[in-house]
Amino acid sequence: MSIANPAVDAAITGQFTPINTSSSSSSAIKRIGQYIRLKPEHASEYIKIHSEVWPGVLHRITASNIHDYSIYYDPKGGLLFASFKYTGTDFDGDMKKIAEDEETKRWWKVTDHMQESLNEGAVSSEGGGWWREMEEVFYHA
């Protein structure tokens, strides 16, 4: 599953696999970064629909303990970069709720064709592994 599709694609993008967790022992926050290619012919439409994300999708993201979610676009490289924090205690369970959410599935049907996964074998957000996860190499709070 994925969120920027699942988050917003994320969650609105697809499957999330936390790469690194916060170094603070008092915090269960996981910071997650992902990227995917945006097909240039869909850039304007993708940006427009993300200015009006469906309320049900936003509700599911928040209810699944995803916060501080952003998607950035690099038009020269044709890449989208998503960043968010996961604050829950059952990451896999929360990601499953996103993947099973009917409104999110409809959102992914709108956004997936605009993207090109960089993960071999990935076919859609719904199938999981749509956005490529990144390893956190530096963090400063």
Protein backbone atom coordinates (compact mmCIF):
# COMPACT_ATOMS: atom_id res chain seq x y z
CA MET A 1 0.00 0.00 0.00
CA SER A 2 1.09 3.60 -0.36
CA ILE A 3 0.07 6.99 0.70
CA ALA A 4 0.81 10.08 -1.64
CA ASN A 5 -1.56 8.37 -3.19
CA PRO A 6 -1.94 7.04 0.67
CA ALA A 7 -0.86 9.66 2.06
CA VAL A 8 -2.49 11.85 0.45
CA ASP A 9 -0.72 9.34 -1.90
CA ALA A 10 0.11 8.10 0.75
CA ALA A 11 -1.56 7.84 2.08
CA ILE A 12 -2.39 8.55 -0.65
CA THR A 13 0.61 6.66 -1.86
CA GLY A 14 0.69 2.95 -1.06
CA GLN A 15 2.70 0.65 1.15
CA PHE A 16 4.77 2.19 3.88
CA THR A 17 7.76 0.57 5.41
CA PRO A 18 9.39 2.73 8.04
CA ILE A 19 13.08 3.04 7.29
CA ASN A 20 14.20 4.83 10.41
CA THR A 21 12.68 5.80 13.72
CA SER A 22 13.21 8.80 15.90
CA SER A 23 16.32 8.59 18.02
CA SER A 24 14.41 9.94 21.01
CA SER A 25 13.60 7.20 23.47
CA SER A 26 10.54 9.11 24.71
CA SER A 27 8.96 9.24 21.26
CA ALA A 28 7.45 6.55 19.07
CA ILE A 29 7.41 8.87 16.06
CA LYS A 30 8.59 7.38 12.78
CA ARG A 31 9.71 9.80 10.08
CA ILE A 32 9.20 8.44 6.59
CA GLY A 33 10.44 9.69 3.22
CA GLN A 34 9.40 8.28 -0.16
CA TYR A 35 9.64 9.18 -3.82
CA ILE A 36 8.04 8.33 -7.14
CA ARG A 37 8.16 9.63 -10.70
CA LEU A 38 5.39 11.99 -11.83
CA LYS A 39 4.60 11.71 -15.53
CA PRO A 40 5.21 15.22 -16.92
CA GLU A 41 1.99 15.27 -18.91
CA HIS A 42 0.06 14.92 -15.63
CA ALA A 43 1.98 17.42 -13.48
CA SER A 44 -0.57 20.24 -13.64
CA GLU A 45 -3.50 17.93 -12.91
CA TYR A 46 -1.66 16.21 -10.04
CA ILE A 47 -0.80 19.52 -8.41
CA LYS A 48 -4.36 20.79 -8.84
CA ILE A 49 -6.06 17.77 -7.29
CA HIS A 50 -3.68 17.88 -4.35
CA SER A 51 -4.88 21.39 -3.59
CA GLU A 52 -8.34 19.83 -3.10
CA VAL A 53 -7.73 16.41 -1.54
CA TRP A 54 -10.99 14.64 -0.74
CA PRO A 55 -12.04 15.03 2.92
CA GLY A 56 -12.48 11.27 3.36
CA VAL A 57 -8.89 10.65 2.26
CA LEU A 58 -7.58 13.30 4.65
CA HIS A 59 -9.67 11.84 7.48
CA ARG A 60 -8.29 8.33 6.86
CA ILE A 61 -4.70 9.64 6.83
CA THR A 62 -5.17 11.41 10.15
CA ALA A 63 -7.12 8.52 11.70
CA SER A 64 -4.22 6.25 10.72
CA ASN A 65 -1.79 8.32 12.79
CA ILE A 66 -0.08 10.08 9.89
CA HIS A 67 0.84 13.69 10.56
CA ASP A 68 2.96 16.45 9.10
CA TYR A 69 2.46 15.00 5.62
CA SER A 70 3.96 16.87 2.67
CA ILE A 71 4.53 16.08 -0.99
CA TYR A 72 7.13 18.05 -2.94
CA TYR A 73 7.60 18.16 -6.72
CA ASP A 74 10.87 18.52 -8.60
CA PRO A 75 9.85 19.42 -12.16
CA LYS A 76 13.40 19.16 -13.54
CA GLY A 77 13.87 15.63 -12.22
CA GLY A 78 10.21 14.66 -12.58
CA LEU A 79 10.06 13.32 -9.05
CA LEU A 80 7.62 13.61 -6.18
CA PHE A 81 9.02 13.39 -2.66
CA ALA A 82 6.71 12.62 0.27
CA SER A 83 7.53 13.11 3.92
CA PHE A 84 5.38 12.35 6.94
CA LYS A 85 5.43 11.30 10.57
CA TYR A 86 3.74 8.20 11.92
CA THR A 87 2.71 8.55 15.57
CA GLY A 88 0.73 5.36 16.22
CA THR A 89 1.67 2.03 17.75
CA ASP A 90 0.51 -0.38 15.00
CA PHE A 91 2.03 0.80 11.74
CA ASP A 92 1.07 -2.28 9.70
CA GLY A 93 -2.49 -2.19 11.03
CA ASP A 94 -2.88 1.50 10.28
CA MET A 95 -1.50 1.08 6.76
CA LYS A 96 -3.94 -1.80 6.22
CA LYS A 97 -6.82 0.50 7.22
CA ILE A 98 -5.66 3.00 4.61
CA ALA A 99 -5.39 0.30 1.95
CA GLU A 100 -8.89 -0.98 2.74
CA ASP A 101 -10.51 2.46 2.79
CA GLU A 102 -12.90 2.82 -0.17
CA GLU A 103 -12.39 6.58 -0.56
CA THR A 104 -8.61 6.13 -0.59
CA LYS A 105 -8.89 3.36 -3.18
CA ARG A 106 -10.91 5.72 -5.40
CA TRP A 107 -8.25 8.43 -4.88
CA TRP A 108 -5.49 6.02 -5.91
CA LYS A 109 -7.40 5.17 -9.10
CA VAL A 110 -7.26 8.89 -9.95
CA THR A 111 -3.60 9.43 -9.03
CA ASP A 112 -1.81 6.17 -9.88
CA HIS A 113 -1.96 6.64 -13.66
CA MET A 114 -0.20 9.99 -13.20
CA GLN A 115 2.77 8.33 -11.54
CA GLU A 116 5.43 5.79 -12.46
CA SER A 117 6.70 3.63 -9.63
CA LEU A 118 10.45 3.18 -9.37
CA ASN A 119 9.99 -0.14 -7.57
CA GLU A 120 10.33 -3.17 -9.81
CA GLY A 121 7.09 -5.10 -10.08
CA ALA A 122 4.90 -2.44 -8.43
CA VAL A 123 1.62 -2.08 -10.31
CA SER A 124 -0.47 0.24 -8.13
CA SER A 125 -0.84 1.87 -4.74
CA GLU A 126 -3.41 -0.74 -3.87
CA GLY A 127 -0.92 -3.53 -4.59
CA GLY A 128 1.65 -2.04 -2.23
CA GLY A 129 5.19 -0.81 -2.63
CA TRP A 130 4.18 1.92 -5.09
CA TRP A 131 6.38 4.69 -3.66
CA ARG A 132 10.07 3.97 -3.07
CA GLU A 133 11.15 4.30 0.56
CA MET A 134 14.23 6.28 1.50
CA GLU A 135 16.74 5.77 4.27
CA GLU A 136 17.03 8.65 6.71
CA VAL A 137 20.68 9.65 6.96
CA PHE A 138 20.35 12.84 9.01
CA TYR A 139 17.84 14.36 11.41
CA HIS A 140 18.04 17.44 13.60
CA ALA A 141 15.06 18.45 15.73
